[in-house]
Amino acid sequence: GVSLCRRIRDESTVPVIMLSARADSIDVVLGLEAGADDYV
């Protein structure tokens, strides 16, 4: 999902929400740094 978010962000500013089974800081930060706008 993080790599997919980066690919989407390379092509578009469409909003992205990441979904994670863990509230791990690494998951959250990696997703946001990849260009996600929010996470659940």
PDB file of all heavy atoms in Angstrom:
ATOM      1  N   GLY A   1       0.788  -1.221   0.000  1.00  0.00           N
ATOM      2  CA  GLY A   1       0.000   0.000   0.000  1.00  0.00           C
ATOM      3  C   GLY A   1       0.822   1.275   0.000  1.00  0.00           C
ATOM      4  O   GLY A   1       0.460   2.260  -0.648  1.00  0.00           O
ATOM      5  N   VAL A   2       1.942   1.280   0.724  1.00  0.00           N
ATOM      6  CA  VAL A   2       2.795   2.476   0.762  1.00  0.00           C
ATOM      7  C   VAL A   2       3.400   2.740  -0.621  1.00  0.00           C
ATOM      8  O   VAL A   2       3.410   3.879  -1.102  1.00  0.00           O
ATOM      9  CB  VAL A   2       3.898   2.319   1.822  1.00  0.00           C
ATOM     10  CG1 VAL A   2       4.885   3.477   1.748  1.00  0.00           C
ATOM     11  CG2 VAL A   2       3.282   2.244   3.223  1.00  0.00           C
ATOM     12  N   SER A   3       3.896   1.679  -1.278  1.00  0.00           N
ATOM     13  CA  SER A   3       4.461   1.841  -2.617  1.00  0.00           C
ATOM     14  C   SER A   3       3.391   2.261  -3.615  1.00  0.00           C
ATOM     15  O   SER A   3       3.643   3.088  -4.497  1.00  0.00           O
ATOM     16  CB  SER A   3       5.119   0.536  -3.073  1.00  0.00           C
ATOM     17  OG  SER A   3       6.180   0.177  -2.212  1.00  0.00           O
ATOM     18  N   LEU A   4       2.188   1.699  -3.473  1.00  0.00           N
ATOM     19  CA  LEU A   4       1.087   2.087  -4.351  1.00  0.00           C
ATOM     20  C   LEU A   4       0.732   3.552  -4.151  1.00  0.00           C
ATOM     21  O   LEU A   4       0.469   4.275  -5.125  1.00  0.00           O
ATOM     22  CB  LEU A   4      -0.126   1.202  -4.082  1.00  0.00           C
ATOM     23  CG  LEU A   4      -1.409   1.536  -4.841  1.00  0.00           C
ATOM     24  CD1 LEU A   4      -1.169   1.555  -6.347  1.00  0.00           C
ATOM     25  CD2 LEU A   4      -2.515   0.547  -4.483  1.00  0.00           C
ATOM     26  N   CYS A   5       0.738   3.992  -2.906  1.00  0.00           N
ATOM     27  CA  CYS A   5       0.455   5.403  -2.630  1.00  0.00           C
ATOM     28  C   CYS A   5       1.474   6.296  -3.329  1.00  0.00           C
ATOM     29  O   CYS A   5       1.121   7.319  -3.929  1.00  0.00           O
ATOM     30  CB  CYS A   5       0.459   5.653  -1.123  1.00  0.00           C
ATOM     31  SG  CYS A   5       0.099   7.357  -0.663  1.00  0.00           S
ATOM     32  N   ARG A   6       2.755   5.909  -3.271  1.00  0.00           N
ATOM     33  CA  ARG A   6       3.789   6.710  -3.942  1.00  0.00           C
ATOM     34  C   ARG A   6       3.549   6.764  -5.448  1.00  0.00           C
ATOM     35  O   ARG A   6       3.721   7.820  -6.080  1.00  0.00           O
ATOM     36  CB  ARG A   6       5.175   6.121  -3.663  1.00  0.00           C
ATOM     37  CG  ARG A   6       5.665   6.293  -2.239  1.00  0.00           C
ATOM     38  CD  ARG A   6       7.153   6.032  -2.152  1.00  0.00           C
ATOM     39  NE  ARG A   6       7.625   6.120  -0.775  1.00  0.00           N
ATOM     40  CZ  ARG A   6       7.823   5.073   0.006  1.00  0.00           C
ATOM     41  NH1 ARG A   6       7.609   3.837  -0.453  1.00  0.00           N
ATOM     42  NH2 ARG A   6       8.242   5.237   1.247  1.00  0.00           N
ATOM     43  N   ARG A   7       3.163   5.629  -6.034  1.00  0.00           N
ATOM     44  CA  ARG A   7       2.915   5.586  -7.478  1.00  0.00           C
ATOM     45  C   ARG A   7       1.730   6.489  -7.845  1.00  0.00           C
ATOM     46  O   ARG A   7       1.753   7.209  -8.853  1.00  0.00           O
ATOM     47  CB  ARG A   7       2.648   4.143  -7.922  1.00  0.00           C
ATOM     48  CG  ARG A   7       3.817   3.193  -7.689  1.00  0.00           C
ATOM     49  CD  ARG A   7       4.905   3.355  -8.724  1.00  0.00           C
ATOM     50  NE  ARG A   7       4.516   2.761  -9.994  1.00  0.00           N
ATOM     51  CZ  ARG A   7       4.687   1.479 -10.308  1.00  0.00           C
ATOM     52  NH1 ARG A   7       5.222   0.628  -9.414  1.00  0.00           N
ATOM     53  NH2 ARG A   7       4.326   1.028 -11.492  1.00  0.00           N
ATOM     54  N   ILE A   8       0.685   6.437  -7.027  1.00  0.00           N
ATOM     55  CA  ILE A   8      -0.476   7.296  -7.267  1.00  0.00           C
ATOM     56  C   ILE A   8      -0.095   8.758  -7.130  1.00  0.00           C
ATOM     57  O   ILE A   8      -0.461   9.603  -7.956  1.00  0.00           O
ATOM     58  CB  ILE A   8      -1.620   6.935  -6.295  1.00  0.00           C
ATOM     59  CG1 ILE A   8      -2.219   5.580  -6.669  1.00  0.00           C
ATOM     60  CG2 ILE A   8      -2.712   8.013  -6.297  1.00  0.00           C
ATOM     61  CD1 ILE A   8      -3.268   5.073  -5.698  1.00  0.00           C
ATOM     62  N   ARG A   9       0.688   9.051  -6.096  1.00  0.00           N
ATOM     63  CA  ARG A   9       1.061  10.445  -5.862  1.00  0.00           C
ATOM     64  C   ARG A   9       1.971  10.988  -6.964  1.00  0.00           C
ATOM     65  O   ARG A   9       1.968  12.192  -7.247  1.00  0.00           O
ATOM     66  CB  ARG A   9       1.735  10.563  -4.487  1.00  0.00           C
ATOM     67  CG  ARG A   9       1.882  11.972  -3.960  1.00  0.00           C
ATOM     68  CD  ARG A   9       0.571  12.749  -3.947  1.00  0.00           C
ATOM     69  NE  ARG A   9      -0.343  12.376  -2.893  1.00  0.00           N
ATOM     70  CZ  ARG A   9      -1.625  12.114  -3.094  1.00  0.00           C
ATOM     71  NH1 ARG A   9      -2.149  12.153  -4.300  1.00  0.00           N
ATOM     72  NH2 ARG A   9      -2.411  11.802  -2.089  1.00  0.00           N
ATOM     73  N   ASP A  10       2.729  10.123  -7.623  1.00  0.00           N
ATOM     74  CA  ASP A  10       3.548  10.557  -8.761  1.00  0.00           C
ATOM     75  C   ASP A  10       2.688  11.023  -9.928  1.00  0.00           C
ATOM     76  O   ASP A  10       3.150  11.804 -10.768  1.00  0.00           O
ATOM     77  CB  ASP A  10       4.453   9.409  -9.243  1.00  0.00           C
ATOM     78  CG  ASP A  10       5.619   9.139  -8.302  1.00  0.00           C
ATOM     79  OD1 ASP A  10       5.937  10.028  -7.493  1.00  0.00           O
ATOM     80  OD2 ASP A  10       6.195   8.038  -8.390  1.00  0.00           O
ATOM     81  N   GLU A  11       1.437  10.544  -9.976  1.00  0.00           N
ATOM     82  CA  GLU A  11       0.578  10.810 -11.125  1.00  0.00           C
ATOM     83  C   GLU A  11      -0.602  11.716 -10.816  1.00  0.00           C
ATOM     84  O   GLU A  11      -1.230  12.247 -11.734  1.00  0.00           O
ATOM     85  CB  GLU A  11       0.029   9.486 -11.681  1.00  0.00           C
ATOM     86  CG  GLU A  11       1.100   8.487 -12.085  1.00  0.00           C
ATOM     87  CD  GLU A  11       0.521   7.156 -12.526  1.00  0.00           C
ATOM     88  OE1 GLU A  11      -0.698   7.105 -12.813  1.00  0.00           O
ATOM     89  OE2 GLU A  11       1.285   6.171 -12.597  1.00  0.00           O
ATOM     90  N   SER A  12      -0.932  11.879  -9.537  1.00  0.00           N
ATOM     91  CA  SER A  12      -2.186  12.543  -9.207  1.00  0.00           C
ATOM     92  C   SER A  12      -2.156  13.108  -7.795  1.00  0.00           C
ATOM     93  O   SER A  12      -1.386  12.656  -6.947  1.00  0.00           O
ATOM     94  CB  SER A  12      -3.341  11.533  -9.326  1.00  0.00           C
ATOM     95  OG  SER A  12      -4.553  12.057  -8.852  1.00  0.00           O
ATOM     96  N   THR A  13      -3.022  14.099  -7.557  1.00  0.00           N
ATOM     97  CA  THR A  13      -3.211  14.632  -6.211  1.00  0.00           C
ATOM     98  C   THR A  13      -4.498  14.098  -5.582  1.00  0.00           C
ATOM     99  O   THR A  13      -4.981  14.642  -4.595  1.00  0.00           O
ATOM    100  CB  THR A  13      -3.262  16.172  -6.221  1.00  0.00           C
ATOM    101  OG1 THR A  13      -4.348  16.609  -7.057  1.00  0.00           O
ATOM    102  CG2 THR A  13      -1.955  16.752  -6.721  1.00  0.00           C
ATOM    103  N   VAL A  14      -5.059  13.029  -6.169  1.00  0.00           N
ATOM    104  CA  VAL A  14      -6.280  12.436  -5.622  1.00  0.00           C
ATOM    105  C   VAL A  14      -6.068  12.091  -4.147  1.00  0.00           C
ATOM    106  O   VAL A  14      -4.991  11.642  -3.755  1.00  0.00           O
ATOM    107  CB  VAL A  14      -6.663  11.174  -6.428  1.00  0.00           C
ATOM    108  CG1 VAL A  14      -5.646  10.068  -6.228  1.00  0.00           C
ATOM    109  CG2 VAL A  14      -8.054  10.680  -6.051  1.00  0.00           C
ATOM    110  N   PRO A  15      -7.062  12.334  -3.294  1.00  0.00           N
ATOM    111  CA  PRO A  15      -6.889  12.024  -1.870  1.00  0.00           C
ATOM    112  C   PRO A  15      -6.689  10.535  -1.624  1.00  0.00           C
ATOM    113  O   PRO A  15      -7.306   9.690  -2.284  1.00  0.00           O
ATOM    114  CB  PRO A  15      -8.177  12.529  -1.218  1.00  0.00           C
ATOM    115  CG  PRO A  15      -9.153  12.663  -2.331  1.00  0.00           C
ATOM    116  CD  PRO A  15      -8.367  12.972  -3.552  1.00  0.00           C
ATOM    117  N   VAL A  16      -5.829  10.215  -0.659  1.00  0.00           N
ATOM    118  CA  VAL A  16      -5.510   8.832  -0.307  1.00  0.00           C
ATOM    119  C   VAL A  16      -5.641   8.650   1.198  1.00  0.00           C
ATOM    120  O   VAL A  16      -5.113   9.451   1.977  1.00  0.00           O
ATOM    121  CB  VAL A  16      -4.081   8.456  -0.743  1.00  0.00           C
ATOM    122  CG1 VAL A  16      -3.725   7.053  -0.255  1.00  0.00           C
ATOM    123  CG2 VAL A  16      -3.931   8.550  -2.265  1.00  0.00           C
ATOM    124  N   ILE A  17      -6.355   7.613   1.597  1.00  0.00           N
ATOM    125  CA  ILE A  17      -6.435   7.212   3.004  1.00  0.00           C
ATOM    126  C   ILE A  17      -5.804   5.840   3.131  1.00  0.00           C
ATOM    127  O   ILE A  17      -6.174   4.911   2.408  1.00  0.00           O
ATOM    128  CB  ILE A  17      -7.894   7.163   3.508  1.00  0.00           C
ATOM    129  CG1 ILE A  17      -8.530   8.553   3.466  1.00  0.00           C
ATOM    130  CG2 ILE A  17      -7.942   6.617   4.940  1.00  0.00           C
ATOM    131  CD1 ILE A  17      -9.989   8.570   3.898  1.00  0.00           C
ATOM    132  N   MET A  18      -4.834   5.696   4.025  1.00  0.00           N
ATOM    133  CA  MET A  18      -4.200   4.409   4.270  1.00  0.00           C
ATOM    134  C   MET A  18      -4.959   3.661   5.355  1.00  0.00           C
ATOM    135  O   MET A  18      -5.451   4.257   6.318  1.00  0.00           O
ATOM    136  CB  MET A  18      -2.747   4.602   4.715  1.00  0.00           C
ATOM    137  CG  MET A  18      -1.857   5.363   3.738  1.00  0.00           C
ATOM    138  SD  MET A  18      -1.666   4.560   2.135  1.00  0.00           S
ATOM    139  CE  MET A  18      -0.882   3.013   2.621  1.00  0.00           C
ATOM    140  N   LEU A  19      -5.037   2.347   5.205  1.00  0.00           N
ATOM    141  CA  LEU A  19      -5.659   1.469   6.194  1.00  0.00           C
ATOM    142  C   LEU A  19      -4.591   0.533   6.731  1.00  0.00           C
ATOM    143  O   LEU A  19      -3.842  -0.066   5.958  1.00  0.00           O
ATOM    144  CB  LEU A  19      -6.790   0.659   5.561  1.00  0.00           C
ATOM    145  CG  LEU A  19      -7.880   1.451   4.835  1.00  0.00           C
ATOM    146  CD1 LEU A  19      -8.861   0.501   4.171  1.00  0.00           C
ATOM    147  CD2 LEU A  19      -8.606   2.375   5.793  1.00  0.00           C
ATOM    148  N   SER A  20      -4.507   0.424   8.055  1.00  0.00           N
ATOM    149  CA  SER A  20      -3.484  -0.415   8.656  1.00  0.00           C
ATOM    150  C   SER A  20      -4.066  -1.223   9.798  1.00  0.00           C
ATOM    151  O   SER A  20      -4.882  -0.718  10.571  1.00  0.00           O
ATOM    152  CB  SER A  20      -2.324   0.444   9.173  1.00  0.00           C
ATOM    153  OG  SER A  20      -1.411  -0.350   9.897  1.00  0.00           O
ATOM    154  N   ALA A  21      -3.640  -2.482   9.900  1.00  0.00           N
ATOM    155  CA  ALA A  21      -4.091  -3.341  10.998  1.00  0.00           C
ATOM    156  C   ALA A  21      -3.387  -2.985  12.294  1.00  0.00           C
ATOM    157  O   ALA A  21      -3.749  -3.468  13.348  1.00  0.00           O
ATOM    158  CB  ALA A  21      -3.853  -4.805  10.659  1.00  0.00           C
ATOM    159  N   ARG A  22      -2.362  -2.169  12.213  1.00  0.00           N
ATOM    160  CA  ARG A  22      -1.619  -1.770  13.399  1.00  0.00           C
ATOM    161  C   ARG A  22      -1.578  -0.258  13.502  1.00  0.00           C
ATOM    162  O   ARG A  22      -1.585   0.436  12.493  1.00  0.00           O
ATOM    163  CB  ARG A  22      -0.182  -2.296  13.333  1.00  0.00           C
ATOM    164  CG  ARG A  22      -0.078  -3.802  13.244  1.00  0.00           C
ATOM    165  CD  ARG A  22       1.381  -4.205  13.146  1.00  0.00           C
ATOM    166  NE  ARG A  22       2.000  -3.692  11.933  1.00  0.00           N
ATOM    167  CZ  ARG A  22       3.308  -3.746  11.683  1.00  0.00           C
ATOM    168  NH1 ARG A  22       4.121  -4.257  12.577  1.00  0.00           N
ATOM    169  NH2 ARG A  22       3.799  -3.286  10.552  1.00  0.00           N
ATOM    170  N   ALA A  23      -1.551   0.246  14.716  1.00  0.00           N
ATOM    171  CA  ALA A  23      -1.403   1.675  14.933  1.00  0.00           C
ATOM    172  C   ALA A  23       0.073   2.013  15.093  1.00  0.00           C
ATOM    173  O   ALA A  23       0.437   2.993  15.718  1.00  0.00           O
ATOM    174  CB  ALA A  23      -2.189   2.114  16.170  1.00  0.00           C
ATOM    175  N   ASP A  24       0.909   1.151  14.539  1.00  0.00           N
ATOM    176  CA  ASP A  24       2.358   1.300  14.628  1.00  0.00           C
ATOM    177  C   ASP A  24       2.798   2.638  14.057  1.00  0.00           C
ATOM    178  O   ASP A  24       2.346   3.041  12.996  1.00  0.00           O
ATOM    179  CB  ASP A  24       3.012   0.183  13.805  1.00  0.00           C
ATOM    180  CG  ASP A  24       4.088  -0.523  14.582  1.00  0.00           C
ATOM    181  OD1 ASP A  24       4.142  -0.312  15.789  1.00  0.00           O
ATOM    182  OD2 ASP A  24       4.850  -1.277  13.966  1.00  0.00           O
ATOM    183  N   SER A  25       3.696   3.314  14.733  1.00  0.00           N
ATOM    184  CA  SER A  25       4.205   4.585  14.242  1.00  0.00           C
ATOM    185  C   SER A  25       4.840   4.439  12.874  1.00  0.00           C
ATOM    186  O   SER A  25       4.704   5.303  12.010  1.00  0.00           O
ATOM    187  CB  SER A  25       5.231   5.166  15.227  1.00  0.00           C
ATOM    188  OG  SER A  25       4.632   5.520  16.443  1.00  0.00           O
ATOM    189  N   ILE A  26       5.534   3.303  12.657  1.00  0.00           N
ATOM    190  CA  ILE A  26       6.212   3.110  11.374  1.00  0.00           C
ATOM    191  C   ILE A  26       5.192   3.036  10.248  1.00  0.00           C
ATOM    192  O   ILE A  26       5.347   3.691   9.215  1.00  0.00           O
ATOM    193  CB  ILE A  26       7.071   1.832  11.409  1.00  0.00           C
ATOM    194  CG1 ILE A  26       8.220   2.002  12.392  1.00  0.00           C
ATOM    195  CG2 ILE A  26       7.602   1.511  10.016  1.00  0.00           C
ATOM    196  CD1 ILE A  26       9.088   0.766  12.549  1.00  0.00           C
ATOM    197  N   ASP A  27       4.121   2.255  10.425  1.00  0.00           N
ATOM    198  CA  ASP A  27       3.086   2.158   9.403  1.00  0.00           C
ATOM    199  C   ASP A  27       2.471   3.521   9.112  1.00  0.00           C
ATOM    200  O   ASP A  27       2.288   3.913   7.956  1.00  0.00           O
ATOM    201  CB  ASP A  27       1.969   1.216   9.857  1.00  0.00           C
ATOM    202  CG  ASP A  27       2.352  -0.251   9.703  1.00  0.00           C
ATOM    203  OD1 ASP A  27       3.390  -0.517   9.067  1.00  0.00           O
ATOM    204  OD2 ASP A  27       1.630  -1.110  10.220  1.00  0.00           O
ATOM    205  N   VAL A  28       2.118   4.237  10.167  1.00  0.00           N
ATOM    206  CA  VAL A  28       1.458   5.528  10.019  1.00  0.00           C
ATOM    207  C   VAL A  28       2.367   6.519   9.296  1.00  0.00           C
ATOM    208  O   VAL A  28       1.978   7.151   8.309  1.00  0.00           O
ATOM    209  CB  VAL A  28       1.046   6.084  11.394  1.00  0.00           C
ATOM    210  CG1 VAL A  28       0.549   7.516  11.263  1.00  0.00           C
ATOM    211  CG2 VAL A  28      -0.018   5.206  12.031  1.00  0.00           C
ATOM    212  N   VAL A  29       3.588   6.668   9.780  1.00  0.00           N
ATOM    213  CA  VAL A  29       4.509   7.658   9.221  1.00  0.00           C
ATOM    214  C   VAL A  29       4.890   7.312   7.792  1.00  0.00           C
ATOM    215  O   VAL A  29       4.937   8.195   6.923  1.00  0.00           O
ATOM    216  CB  VAL A  29       5.759   7.790  10.114  1.00  0.00           C
ATOM    217  CG1 VAL A  29       6.800   8.671   9.439  1.00  0.00           C
ATOM    218  CG2 VAL A  29       5.377   8.376  11.475  1.00  0.00           C
ATOM    219  N   LEU A  30       5.155   6.035   7.506  1.00  0.00           N
ATOM    220  CA  LEU A  30       5.517   5.650   6.141  1.00  0.00           C
ATOM    221  C   LEU A  30       4.391   5.980   5.167  1.00  0.00           C
ATOM    222  O   LEU A  30       4.637   6.482   4.068  1.00  0.00           O
ATOM    223  CB  LEU A  30       5.848   4.158   6.078  1.00  0.00           C
ATOM    224  CG  LEU A  30       7.208   3.728   6.625  1.00  0.00           C
ATOM    225  CD1 LEU A  30       7.348   2.204   6.548  1.00  0.00           C
ATOM    226  CD2 LEU A  30       8.347   4.396   5.858  1.00  0.00           C
ATOM    227  N   GLY A  31       3.161   5.695   5.567  1.00  0.00           N
ATOM    228  CA  GLY A  31       2.029   5.998   4.701  1.00  0.00           C
ATOM    229  C   GLY A  31       1.877   7.488   4.455  1.00  0.00           C
ATOM    230  O   GLY A  31       1.668   7.931   3.327  1.00  0.00           O
ATOM    231  N   LEU A  32       2.000   8.280   5.499  1.00  0.00           N
ATOM    232  CA  LEU A  32       1.862   9.732   5.356  1.00  0.00           C
ATOM    233  C   LEU A  32       3.017  10.320   4.562  1.00  0.00           C
ATOM    234  O   LEU A  32       2.827  11.210   3.729  1.00  0.00           O
ATOM    235  CB  LEU A  32       1.770  10.388   6.735  1.00  0.00           C
ATOM    236  CG  LEU A  32       0.531  10.034   7.560  1.00  0.00           C
ATOM    237  CD1 LEU A  32       0.648  10.586   8.963  1.00  0.00           C
ATOM    238  CD2 LEU A  32      -0.738  10.540   6.888  1.00  0.00           C
ATOM    239  N   GLU A  33       4.222   9.816   4.803  1.00  0.00           N
ATOM    240  CA  GLU A  33       5.374  10.318   4.056  1.00  0.00           C
ATOM    241  C   GLU A  33       5.283   9.959   2.578  1.00  0.00           C
ATOM    242  O   GLU A  33       5.845  10.655   1.725  1.00  0.00           O
ATOM    243  CB  GLU A  33       6.668   9.770   4.652  1.00  0.00           C
ATOM    244  CG  GLU A  33       7.050  10.407   5.983  1.00  0.00           C
ATOM    245  CD  GLU A  33       8.349   9.868   6.536  1.00  0.00           C
ATOM    246  OE1 GLU A  33       8.799   8.794   6.078  1.00  0.00           O
ATOM    247  OE2 GLU A  33       8.912  10.520   7.434  1.00  0.00           O
ATOM    248  N   ALA A  34       4.583   8.869   2.266  1.00  0.00           N
ATOM    249  CA  ALA A  34       4.403   8.475   0.870  1.00  0.00           C
ATOM    250  C   ALA A  34       3.416   9.380   0.147  1.00  0.00           C
ATOM    251  O   ALA A  34       3.297   9.307  -1.068  1.00  0.00           O
ATOM    252  CB  ALA A  34       3.930   7.025   0.794  1.00  0.00           C
ATOM    253  N   GLY A  35       2.703  10.209   0.902  1.00  0.00           N
ATOM    254  CA  GLY A  35       1.777  11.145   0.284  1.00  0.00           C
ATOM    255  C   GLY A  35       0.328  10.961   0.675  1.00  0.00           C
ATOM    256  O   GLY A  35      -0.544  11.650   0.152  1.00  0.00           O
ATOM    257  N   ALA A  36       0.046  10.040   1.613  1.00  0.00           N
ATOM    258  CA  ALA A  36      -1.330   9.847   2.056  1.00  0.00           C
ATOM    259  C   ALA A  36      -1.813  11.077   2.821  1.00  0.00           C
ATOM    260  O   ALA A  36      -1.032  11.788   3.453  1.00  0.00           O
ATOM    261  CB  ALA A  36      -1.441   8.611   2.939  1.00  0.00           C
ATOM    262  N   ASP A  37      -3.110  11.311   2.752  1.00  0.00           N
ATOM    263  CA  ASP A  37      -3.700  12.471   3.423  1.00  0.00           C
ATOM    264  C   ASP A  37      -4.216  12.141   4.818  1.00  0.00           C
ATOM    265  O   ASP A  37      -4.342  13.030   5.654  1.00  0.00           O
ATOM    266  CB  ASP A  37      -4.852  13.020   2.572  1.00  0.00           C
ATOM    267  CG  ASP A  37      -4.374  13.469   1.206  1.00  0.00           C
ATOM    268  OD1 ASP A  37      -3.811  14.569   1.119  1.00  0.00           O
ATOM    269  OD2 ASP A  37      -4.529  12.708   0.235  1.00  0.00           O
ATOM    270  N   ASP A  38      -4.495  10.870   5.059  1.00  0.00           N
ATOM    271  CA  ASP A  38      -5.017  10.456   6.357  1.00  0.00           C
ATOM    272  C   ASP A  38      -4.831   8.946   6.472  1.00  0.00           C
ATOM    273  O   ASP A  38      -4.424   8.289   5.513  1.00  0.00           O
ATOM    274  CB  ASP A  38      -6.496  10.820   6.479  1.00  0.00           C
ATOM    275  CG  ASP A  38      -6.971  10.925   7.926  1.00  0.00           C
ATOM    276  OD1 ASP A  38      -6.196  10.578   8.835  1.00  0.00           O
ATOM    277  OD2 ASP A  38      -8.123  11.344   8.133  1.00  0.00           O
ATOM    278  N   TYR A  39      -5.116   8.406   7.641  1.00  0.00           N
ATOM    279  CA  TYR A  39      -5.050   6.963   7.823  1.00  0.00           C
ATOM    280  C   TYR A  39      -6.116   6.528   8.820  1.00  0.00           C
ATOM    281  O   TYR A  39      -6.568   7.315   9.666  1.00  0.00           O
ATOM    282  CB  TYR A  39      -3.667   6.514   8.293  1.00  0.00           C
ATOM    283  CG  TYR A  39      -3.449   6.670   9.784  1.00  0.00           C
ATOM    284  CD1 TYR A  39      -3.640   5.596  10.645  1.00  0.00           C
ATOM    285  CD2 TYR A  39      -3.083   7.894  10.333  1.00  0.00           C
ATOM    286  CE1 TYR A  39      -3.471   5.727  12.008  1.00  0.00           C
ATOM    287  CE2 TYR A  39      -2.914   8.043  11.689  1.00  0.00           C
ATOM    288  CZ  TYR A  39      -3.102   6.962  12.531  1.00  0.00           C
ATOM    289  OH  TYR A  39      -2.952   7.119  13.876  1.00  0.00           O
ATOM    290  N   VAL A  40      -6.532   5.263   8.704  1.00  0.00           N
ATOM    291  CA  VAL A  40      -7.513   4.675   9.613  1.00  0.00           C
ATOM    292  C   VAL A  40      -6.969   3.322  10.055  1.00  0.00           C
ATOM    293  O   VAL A  40      -6.473   2.543   9.237  1.00  0.00           O
ATOM    294  CB  VAL A  40      -8.887   4.487   8.925  1.00  0.00           C
ATOM    295  CG1 VAL A  40      -9.859   3.766   9.857  1.00  0.00           C
ATOM    296  CG2 VAL A  40      -9.458   5.829   8.497  1.00  0.00           C
TER     297      VAL A  40
END
